[in-house]
Amino acid sequence: MFDRAQLRKGTLEGCILKIIAREAAYGYAIAATLRENGFTDLTEGTLYPVLRALENSGALKSYQQETPAGRVRKYYRLTKKGAALLSE
């Protein structure tokens, strides 16, 4: 028997890495892309802990960038470790 929550978490991690591998992205944009691709019930309460865990593991690195409107967003980019995880 398998744990559906762990399966979903693993799938979500892989999808996040794939999205960020294309280009650095911020949380809301990542969530929107995931929702457009089948994660229709995704909440920020699910997404941000996964992003934090990926960052803590060294798979992602974050930085802050100001938008033209003056808002500061936290962007995530893939690290070498993240690229290696994605290729597994």
PDB file of N, CA and C in Angstrom:
ATOM      1  N   MET A   1       0.845  -1.186   0.000  1.00  0.00           N
ATOM      2  CA  MET A   1       0.000   0.000   0.000  1.00  0.00           C
ATOM      3  C   MET A   1       0.884   1.240   0.000  1.00  0.00           C
ATOM      4  N   PHE A   2       0.475   2.283  -0.683  1.00  0.00           N
ATOM      5  CA  PHE A   2       1.268   3.488  -0.748  1.00  0.00           C
ATOM      6  C   PHE A   2       0.541   4.646  -0.080  1.00  0.00           C
ATOM      7  N   ASP A   3       1.302   5.645   0.295  1.00  0.00           N
ATOM      8  CA  ASP A   3       0.772   6.830   0.953  1.00  0.00           C
ATOM      9  C   ASP A   3       0.506   7.895  -0.115  1.00  0.00           C
ATOM     10  N   ARG A   4      -0.760   8.193  -0.361  1.00  0.00           N
ATOM     11  CA  ARG A   4      -1.126   9.158  -1.400  1.00  0.00           C
ATOM     12  C   ARG A   4      -0.529  10.541  -1.139  1.00  0.00           C
ATOM     13  N   ALA A   5      -0.466  10.955   0.119  1.00  0.00           N
ATOM     14  CA  ALA A   5       0.088  12.277   0.444  1.00  0.00           C
ATOM     15  C   ALA A   5       1.561  12.350   0.056  1.00  0.00           C
ATOM     16  N   GLN A   6       2.316  11.296   0.333  1.00  0.00           N
ATOM     17  CA  GLN A   6       3.733  11.282  -0.019  1.00  0.00           C
ATOM     18  C   GLN A   6       3.909  11.226  -1.535  1.00  0.00           C
ATOM     19  N   LEU A   7       3.052  10.478  -2.201  1.00  0.00           N
ATOM     20  CA  LEU A   7       3.108  10.405  -3.663  1.00  0.00           C
ATOM     21  C   LEU A   7       2.846  11.777  -4.262  1.00  0.00           C
ATOM     22  N   ARG A   8       1.829  12.448  -3.768  1.00  0.00           N
ATOM     23  CA  ARG A   8       1.493  13.789  -4.270  1.00  0.00           C
ATOM     24  C   ARG A   8       2.626  14.767  -3.979  1.00  0.00           C
ATOM     25  N   LYS A   9       3.204  14.704  -2.772  1.00  0.00           N
ATOM     26  CA  LYS A   9       4.295  15.600  -2.411  1.00  0.00           C
ATOM     27  C   LYS A   9       5.484  15.389  -3.353  1.00  0.00           C
ATOM     28  N   GLY A  10       5.824  14.158  -3.621  1.00  0.00           N
ATOM     29  CA  GLY A  10       6.926  13.863  -4.523  1.00  0.00           C
ATOM     30  C   GLY A  10       6.655  14.346  -5.931  1.00  0.00           C
ATOM     31  N   THR A  11       5.437  14.182  -6.385  1.00  0.00           N
ATOM     32  CA  THR A  11       5.047  14.661  -7.703  1.00  0.00           C
ATOM     33  C   THR A  11       5.092  16.178  -7.755  1.00  0.00           C
ATOM     34  N   LEU A  12       4.591  16.808  -6.711  1.00  0.00           N
ATOM     35  CA  LEU A  12       4.584  18.262  -6.634  1.00  0.00           C
ATOM     36  C   LEU A  12       6.008  18.810  -6.636  1.00  0.00           C
ATOM     37  N   GLU A  13       6.899  18.193  -5.887  1.00  0.00           N
ATOM     38  CA  GLU A  13       8.297  18.628  -5.860  1.00  0.00           C
ATOM     39  C   GLU A  13       8.911  18.565  -7.255  1.00  0.00           C
ATOM     40  N   GLY A  14       8.699  17.475  -7.957  1.00  0.00           N
ATOM     41  CA  GLY A  14       9.237  17.328  -9.304  1.00  0.00           C
ATOM     42  C   GLY A  14       8.675  18.366 -10.260  1.00  0.00           C
ATOM     43  N   CYS A  15       7.392  18.639 -10.151  1.00  0.00           N
ATOM     44  CA  CYS A  15       6.757  19.634 -11.023  1.00  0.00           C
ATOM     45  C   CYS A  15       7.296  21.033 -10.731  1.00  0.00           C
ATOM     46  N   ILE A  16       7.488  21.347  -9.464  1.00  0.00           N
ATOM     47  CA  ILE A  16       8.040  22.650  -9.086  1.00  0.00           C
ATOM     48  C   ILE A  16       9.449  22.795  -9.647  1.00  0.00           C
ATOM     49  N   LEU A  17      10.265  21.770  -9.491  1.00  0.00           N
ATOM     50  CA  LEU A  17      11.627  21.830 -10.022  1.00  0.00           C
ATOM     51  C   LEU A  17      11.613  22.029 -11.533  1.00  0.00           C
ATOM     52  N   LYS A  18      10.711  21.357 -12.219  1.00  0.00           N
ATOM     53  CA  LYS A  18      10.610  21.469 -13.678  1.00  0.00           C
ATOM     54  C   LYS A  18      10.211  22.886 -14.094  1.00  0.00           C
ATOM     55  N   ILE A  19       9.278  23.479 -13.375  1.00  0.00           N
ATOM     56  CA  ILE A  19       8.838  24.848 -13.670  1.00  0.00           C
ATOM     57  C   ILE A  19       9.998  25.823 -13.485  1.00  0.00           C
ATOM     58  N   ILE A  20      10.693  25.688 -12.370  1.00  0.00           N
ATOM     59  CA  ILE A  20      11.777  26.620 -12.056  1.00  0.00           C
ATOM     60  C   ILE A  20      12.998  26.367 -12.936  1.00  0.00           C
ATOM     61  N   ALA A  21      13.144  25.159 -13.456  1.00  0.00           N
ATOM     62  CA  ALA A  21      14.269  24.873 -14.354  1.00  0.00           C
ATOM     63  C   ALA A  21      14.184  25.713 -15.628  1.00  0.00           C
ATOM     64  N   ARG A  22      12.970  26.025 -16.060  1.00  0.00           N
ATOM     65  CA  ARG A  22      12.787  26.845 -17.265  1.00  0.00           C
ATOM     66  C   ARG A  22      13.237  28.277 -17.033  1.00  0.00           C
ATOM     67  N   GLU A  23      12.852  28.833 -15.866  1.00  0.00           N
ATOM     68  CA  GLU A  23      13.258  30.189 -15.488  1.00  0.00           C
ATOM     69  C   GLU A  23      12.904  30.414 -14.020  1.00  0.00           C
ATOM     70  N   ALA A  24      13.618  31.331 -13.385  1.00  0.00           N
ATOM     71  CA  ALA A  24      13.322  31.670 -11.999  1.00  0.00           C
ATOM     72  C   ALA A  24      11.870  32.137 -11.913  1.00  0.00           C
ATOM     73  N   ALA A  25      11.209  31.810 -10.815  1.00  0.00           N
ATOM     74  CA  ALA A  25       9.800  32.157 -10.679  1.00  0.00           C
ATOM     75  C   ALA A  25       9.465  32.449  -9.225  1.00  0.00           C
ATOM     76  N   TYR A  26       8.392  33.185  -9.020  1.00  0.00           N
ATOM     77  CA  TYR A  26       7.912  33.480  -7.672  1.00  0.00           C
ATOM     78  C   TYR A  26       6.697  32.604  -7.364  1.00  0.00           C
ATOM     79  N   GLY A  27       6.362  32.528  -6.094  1.00  0.00           N
ATOM     80  CA  GLY A  27       5.350  31.588  -5.626  1.00  0.00           C
ATOM     81  C   GLY A  27       4.024  31.634  -6.345  1.00  0.00           C
ATOM     82  N   TYR A  28       3.462  32.833  -6.526  1.00  0.00           N
ATOM     83  CA  TYR A  28       2.163  32.930  -7.166  1.00  0.00           C
ATOM     84  C   TYR A  28       2.207  32.409  -8.599  1.00  0.00           C
ATOM     85  N   ALA A  29       3.279  32.724  -9.330  1.00  0.00           N
ATOM     86  CA  ALA A  29       3.410  32.253 -10.713  1.00  0.00           C
ATOM     87  C   ALA A  29       3.563  30.735 -10.763  1.00  0.00           C
ATOM     88  N   ILE A  30       4.299  30.190  -9.803  1.00  0.00           N
ATOM     89  CA  ILE A  30       4.450  28.727  -9.717  1.00  0.00           C
ATOM     90  C   ILE A  30       3.086  28.089  -9.461  1.00  0.00           C
ATOM     91  N   ALA A  31       2.336  28.650  -8.506  1.00  0.00           N
ATOM     92  CA  ALA A  31       1.007  28.118  -8.184  1.00  0.00           C
ATOM     93  C   ALA A  31       0.085  28.185  -9.393  1.00  0.00           C
ATOM     94  N   ALA A  32       0.116  29.286 -10.124  1.00  0.00           N
ATOM     95  CA  ALA A  32      -0.742  29.434 -11.303  1.00  0.00           C
ATOM     96  C   ALA A  32      -0.389  28.396 -12.363  1.00  0.00           C
ATOM     97  N   THR A  33       0.891  28.178 -12.585  1.00  0.00           N
ATOM     98  CA  THR A  33       1.325  27.176 -13.571  1.00  0.00           C
ATOM     99  C   THR A  33       0.878  25.783 -13.151  1.00  0.00           C
ATOM    100  N   LEU A  34       1.025  25.474 -11.877  1.00  0.00           N
ATOM    101  CA  LEU A  34       0.601  24.160 -11.383  1.00  0.00           C
ATOM    102  C   LEU A  34      -0.904  23.973 -11.549  1.00  0.00           C
ATOM    103  N   ARG A  35      -1.675  25.011 -11.229  1.00  0.00           N
ATOM    104  CA  ARG A  35      -3.134  24.914 -11.367  1.00  0.00           C
ATOM    105  C   ARG A  35      -3.537  24.720 -12.826  1.00  0.00           C
ATOM    106  N   GLU A  36      -2.848  25.412 -13.733  1.00  0.00           N
ATOM    107  CA  GLU A  36      -3.133  25.273 -15.167  1.00  0.00           C
ATOM    108  C   GLU A  36      -2.823  23.862 -15.670  1.00  0.00           C
ATOM    109  N   ASN A  37      -1.985  23.153 -14.925  1.00  0.00           N
ATOM    110  CA  ASN A  37      -1.544  21.831 -15.371  1.00  0.00           C
ATOM    111  C   ASN A  37      -2.052  20.703 -14.480  1.00  0.00           C
ATOM    112  N   GLY A  38      -3.219  20.893 -13.893  1.00  0.00           N
ATOM    113  CA  GLY A  38      -3.886  19.791 -13.227  1.00  0.00           C
ATOM    114  C   GLY A  38      -3.922  19.808 -11.716  1.00  0.00           C
ATOM    115  N   PHE A  39      -3.158  20.662 -11.066  1.00  0.00           N
ATOM    116  CA  PHE A  39      -3.195  20.748  -9.605  1.00  0.00           C
ATOM    117  C   PHE A  39      -4.266  21.764  -9.208  1.00  0.00           C
ATOM    118  N   THR A  40      -5.501  21.498  -9.581  1.00  0.00           N
ATOM    119  CA  THR A  40      -6.581  22.467  -9.423  1.00  0.00           C
ATOM    120  C   THR A  40      -6.924  22.768  -7.969  1.00  0.00           C
ATOM    121  N   ASP A  41      -6.645  21.855  -7.069  1.00  0.00           N
ATOM    122  CA  ASP A  41      -6.970  22.083  -5.664  1.00  0.00           C
ATOM    123  C   ASP A  41      -5.769  22.536  -4.842  1.00  0.00           C
ATOM    124  N   LEU A  42      -4.699  22.970  -5.508  1.00  0.00           N
ATOM    125  CA  LEU A  42      -3.483  23.411  -4.835  1.00  0.00           C
ATOM    126  C   LEU A  42      -3.747  24.688  -4.048  1.00  0.00           C
ATOM    127  N   THR A  43      -3.265  24.728  -2.812  1.00  0.00           N
ATOM    128  CA  THR A  43      -3.363  25.924  -1.989  1.00  0.00           C
ATOM    129  C   THR A  43      -1.960  26.415  -1.643  1.00  0.00           C
ATOM    130  N   GLU A  44      -1.870  27.658  -1.235  1.00  0.00           N
ATOM    131  CA  GLU A  44      -0.588  28.196  -0.813  1.00  0.00           C
ATOM    132  C   GLU A  44      -0.087  27.454   0.426  1.00  0.00           C
ATOM    133  N   GLY A  45      -1.016  26.944   1.237  1.00  0.00           N
ATOM    134  CA  GLY A  45      -0.654  26.164   2.413  1.00  0.00           C
ATOM    135  C   GLY A  45       0.038  24.857   2.066  1.00  0.00           C
ATOM    136  N   THR A  46      -0.122  24.411   0.840  1.00  0.00           N
ATOM    137  CA  THR A  46       0.582  23.223   0.349  1.00  0.00           C
ATOM    138  C   THR A  46       1.872  23.624  -0.359  1.00  0.00           C
ATOM    139  N   LEU A  47       1.806  24.669  -1.177  1.00  0.00           N
ATOM    140  CA  LEU A  47       2.938  25.062  -2.011  1.00  0.00           C
ATOM    141  C   LEU A  47       4.121  25.592  -1.209  1.00  0.00           C
ATOM    142  N   TYR A  48       3.894  26.556  -0.348  1.00  0.00           N
ATOM    143  CA  TYR A  48       5.013  27.229   0.310  1.00  0.00           C
ATOM    144  C   TYR A  48       5.834  26.335   1.236  1.00  0.00           C
ATOM    145  N   PRO A  49       5.232  25.399   1.957  1.00  0.00           N
ATOM    146  CA  PRO A  49       6.074  24.470   2.722  1.00  0.00           C
ATOM    147  C   PRO A  49       6.972  23.607   1.830  1.00  0.00           C
ATOM    148  N   VAL A  50       6.481  23.233   0.647  1.00  0.00           N
ATOM    149  CA  VAL A  50       7.296  22.447  -0.279  1.00  0.00           C
ATOM    150  C   VAL A  50       8.441  23.303  -0.820  1.00  0.00           C
ATOM    151  N   LEU A  51       8.147  24.558  -1.177  1.00  0.00           N
ATOM    152  CA  LEU A  51       9.204  25.460  -1.628  1.00  0.00           C
ATOM    153  C   LEU A  51      10.261  25.646  -0.539  1.00  0.00           C
ATOM    154  N   ARG A  52       9.820  25.833   0.694  1.00  0.00           N
ATOM    155  CA  ARG A  52      10.745  26.000   1.822  1.00  0.00           C
ATOM    156  C   ARG A  52      11.601  24.754   2.016  1.00  0.00           C
ATOM    157  N   ALA A  53      10.995  23.588   1.929  1.00  0.00           N
ATOM    158  CA  ALA A  53      11.743  22.333   2.091  1.00  0.00           C
ATOM    159  C   ALA A  53      12.761  22.155   0.967  1.00  0.00           C
ATOM    160  N   LEU A  54      12.369  22.487  -0.257  1.00  0.00           N
ATOM    161  CA  LEU A  54      13.311  22.390  -1.385  1.00  0.00           C
ATOM    162  C   LEU A  54      14.466  23.373  -1.213  1.00  0.00           C
ATOM    163  N   GLU A  55      14.163  24.552  -0.689  1.00  0.00           N
ATOM    164  CA  GLU A  55      15.221  25.530  -0.440  1.00  0.00           C
ATOM    165  C   GLU A  55      16.139  25.060   0.692  1.00  0.00           C
ATOM    166  N   ASN A  56      15.549  24.542   1.757  1.00  0.00           N
ATOM    167  CA  ASN A  56      16.348  24.044   2.889  1.00  0.00           C
ATOM    168  C   ASN A  56      17.232  22.866   2.494  1.00  0.00           C
ATOM    169  N   SER A  57      16.787  22.081   1.532  1.00  0.00           N
ATOM    170  CA  SER A  57      17.570  20.927   1.083  1.00  0.00           C
ATOM    171  C   SER A  57      18.696  21.328   0.127  1.00  0.00           C
ATOM    172  N   GLY A  58      18.656  22.579  -0.348  1.00  0.00           N
ATOM    173  CA  GLY A  58      19.676  23.042  -1.272  1.00  0.00           C
ATOM    174  C   GLY A  58      19.306  22.893  -2.732  1.00  0.00           C
ATOM    175  N   ALA A  59      18.084  22.437  -3.013  1.00  0.00           N
ATOM    176  CA  ALA A  59      17.653  22.261  -4.404  1.00  0.00           C
ATOM    177  C   ALA A  59      17.258  23.586  -5.052  1.00  0.00           C
ATOM    178  N   LEU A  60      16.825  24.543  -4.229  1.00  0.00           N
ATOM    179  CA  LEU A  60      16.436  25.864  -4.708  1.00  0.00           C
ATOM    180  C   LEU A  60      17.186  26.928  -3.930  1.00  0.00           C
ATOM    181  N   LYS A  61      17.350  28.052  -4.558  1.00  0.00           N
ATOM    182  CA  LYS A  61      17.923  29.228  -3.918  1.00  0.00           C
ATOM    183  C   LYS A  61      16.943  30.361  -4.166  1.00  0.00           C
ATOM    184  N   SER A  62      16.724  31.211  -3.174  1.00  0.00           N
ATOM    185  CA  SER A  62      15.784  32.309  -3.356  1.00  0.00           C
ATOM    186  C   SER A  62      16.510  33.649  -3.333  1.00  0.00           C
ATOM    187  N   TYR A  63      15.876  34.610  -3.950  1.00  0.00           N
ATOM    188  CA  TYR A  63      16.356  35.987  -3.920  1.00  0.00           C
ATOM    189  C   TYR A  63      15.156  36.902  -4.075  1.00  0.00           C
ATOM    190  N   GLN A  64      15.310  38.142  -3.638  1.00  0.00           N
ATOM    191  CA  GLN A  64      14.216  39.094  -3.734  1.00  0.00           C
ATOM    192  C   GLN A  64      14.498  40.073  -4.857  1.00  0.00           C
ATOM    193  N   GLN A  65      13.427  40.432  -5.562  1.00  0.00           N
ATOM    194  CA  GLN A  65      13.557  41.353  -6.686  1.00  0.00           C
ATOM    195  C   GLN A  65      12.353  42.284  -6.691  1.00  0.00           C
ATOM    196  N   GLU A  66      12.615  43.535  -6.933  1.00  0.00           N
ATOM    197  CA  GLU A  66      11.544  44.518  -7.001  1.00  0.00           C
ATOM    198  C   GLU A  66      10.898  44.491  -8.380  1.00  0.00           C
ATOM    199  N   THR A  67       9.583  44.588  -8.404  1.00  0.00           N
ATOM    200  CA  THR A  67       8.838  44.623  -9.664  1.00  0.00           C
ATOM    201  C   THR A  67       8.763  46.070 -10.157  1.00  0.00           C
ATOM    202  N   PRO A  68       8.391  46.278 -11.413  1.00  0.00           N
ATOM    203  CA  PRO A  68       8.227  47.658 -11.905  1.00  0.00           C
ATOM    204  C   PRO A  68       7.206  48.460 -11.082  1.00  0.00           C
ATOM    205  N   ALA A  69       6.261  47.776 -10.477  1.00  0.00           N
ATOM    206  CA  ALA A  69       5.246  48.449  -9.657  1.00  0.00           C
ATOM    207  C   ALA A  69       5.765  48.776  -8.255  1.00  0.00           C
ATOM    208  N   GLY A  70       6.998  48.355  -7.950  1.00  0.00           N
ATOM    209  CA  GLY A  70       7.580  48.670  -6.652  1.00  0.00           C
ATOM    210  C   GLY A  70       7.426  47.596  -5.589  1.00  0.00           C
ATOM    211  N   ARG A  71       6.757  46.515  -5.911  1.00  0.00           N
ATOM    212  CA  ARG A  71       6.592  45.412  -4.957  1.00  0.00           C
ATOM    213  C   ARG A  71       7.839  44.541  -4.982  1.00  0.00           C
ATOM    214  N   VAL A  72       8.148  43.950  -3.854  1.00  0.00           N
ATOM    215  CA  VAL A  72       9.285  43.035  -3.777  1.00  0.00           C
ATOM    216  C   VAL A  72       8.739  41.609  -3.771  1.00  0.00           C
ATOM    217  N   ARG A  73       9.274  40.787  -4.672  1.00  0.00           N
ATOM    218  CA  ARG A  73       8.848  39.390  -4.756  1.00  0.00           C
ATOM    219  C   ARG A  73      10.028  38.484  -4.457  1.00  0.00           C
ATOM    220  N   LYS A  74       9.716  37.340  -3.862  1.00  0.00           N
ATOM    221  CA  LYS A  74      10.729  36.329  -3.598  1.00  0.00           C
ATOM    222  C   LYS A  74      10.717  35.344  -4.762  1.00  0.00           C
ATOM    223  N   TYR A  75      11.821  35.298  -5.484  1.00  0.00           N
ATOM    224  CA  TYR A  75      11.977  34.401  -6.617  1.00  0.00           C
ATOM    225  C   TYR A  75      12.795  33.185  -6.211  1.00  0.00           C
ATOM    226  N   TYR A  76      12.535  32.094  -6.883  1.00  0.00           N
ATOM    227  CA  TYR A  76      13.275  30.853  -6.658  1.00  0.00           C
ATOM    228  C   TYR A  76      13.986  30.470  -7.939  1.00  0.00           C
ATOM    229  N   ARG A  77      15.219  30.005  -7.808  1.00  0.00           N
ATOM    230  CA  ARG A  77      15.959  29.500  -8.954  1.00  0.00           C
ATOM    231  C   ARG A  77      16.522  28.131  -8.586  1.00  0.00           C
ATOM    232  N   LEU A  78      16.767  27.327  -9.591  1.00  0.00           N
ATOM    233  CA  LEU A  78      17.277  25.984  -9.423  1.00  0.00           C
ATOM    234  C   LEU A  78      18.780  26.033  -9.136  1.00  0.00           C
ATOM    235  N   THR A  79      19.249  25.186  -8.253  1.00  0.00           N
ATOM    236  CA  THR A  79      20.674  25.045  -7.982  1.00  0.00           C
ATOM    237  C   THR A  79      21.195  23.798  -8.726  1.00  0.00           C
ATOM    238  N   LYS A  80      22.488  23.582  -8.650  1.00  0.00           N
ATOM    239  CA  LYS A  80      23.045  22.363  -9.258  1.00  0.00           C
ATOM    240  C   LYS A  80      22.435  21.122  -8.626  1.00  0.00           C
ATOM    241  N   LYS A  81      22.237  21.178  -7.313  1.00  0.00           N
ATOM    242  CA  LYS A  81      21.624  20.041  -6.622  1.00  0.00           C
ATOM    243  C   LYS A  81      20.183  19.834  -7.118  1.00  0.00           C
ATOM    244  N   GLY A  82      19.445  20.919  -7.320  1.00  0.00           N
ATOM    245  CA  GLY A  82      18.085  20.828  -7.832  1.00  0.00           C
ATOM    246  C   GLY A  82      18.045  20.245  -9.231  1.00  0.00           C
ATOM    247  N   ALA A  83      18.999  20.644 -10.053  1.00  0.00           N
ATOM    248  CA  ALA A  83      19.079  20.114 -11.433  1.00  0.00           C
ATOM    249  C   ALA A  83      19.373  18.623 -11.399  1.00  0.00           C
ATOM    250  N   ALA A  84      20.233  18.204 -10.467  1.00  0.00           N
ATOM    251  CA  ALA A  84      20.538  16.775 -10.341  1.00  0.00           C
ATOM    252  C   ALA A  84      19.312  15.999  -9.887  1.00  0.00           C
ATOM    253  N   LEU A  85      18.555  16.559  -8.940  1.00  0.00           N
ATOM    254  CA  LEU A  85      17.312  15.906  -8.481  1.00  0.00           C
ATOM    255  C   LEU A  85      16.316  15.773  -9.633  1.00  0.00           C
ATOM    256  N   LEU A  86      16.224  16.806 -10.426  1.00  0.00           N
ATOM    257  CA  LEU A  86      15.288  16.808 -11.544  1.00  0.00           C
ATOM    258  C   LEU A  86      15.649  15.753 -12.580  1.00  0.00           C
ATOM    259  N   SER A  87      16.916  15.524 -12.768  1.00  0.00           N
ATOM    260  CA  SER A  87      17.336  14.558 -13.780  1.00  0.00           C
ATOM    261  C   SER A  87      17.191  13.116 -13.314  1.00  0.00           C
ATOM    262  N   GLU A  88      16.952  12.905 -12.019  1.00  0.00           N
ATOM    263  CA  GLU A  88      16.803  11.530 -11.489  1.00  0.00           C
ATOM    264  C   GLU A  88      15.509  10.896 -11.925  1.00  0.00           C
TER     265      GLU A  88
END
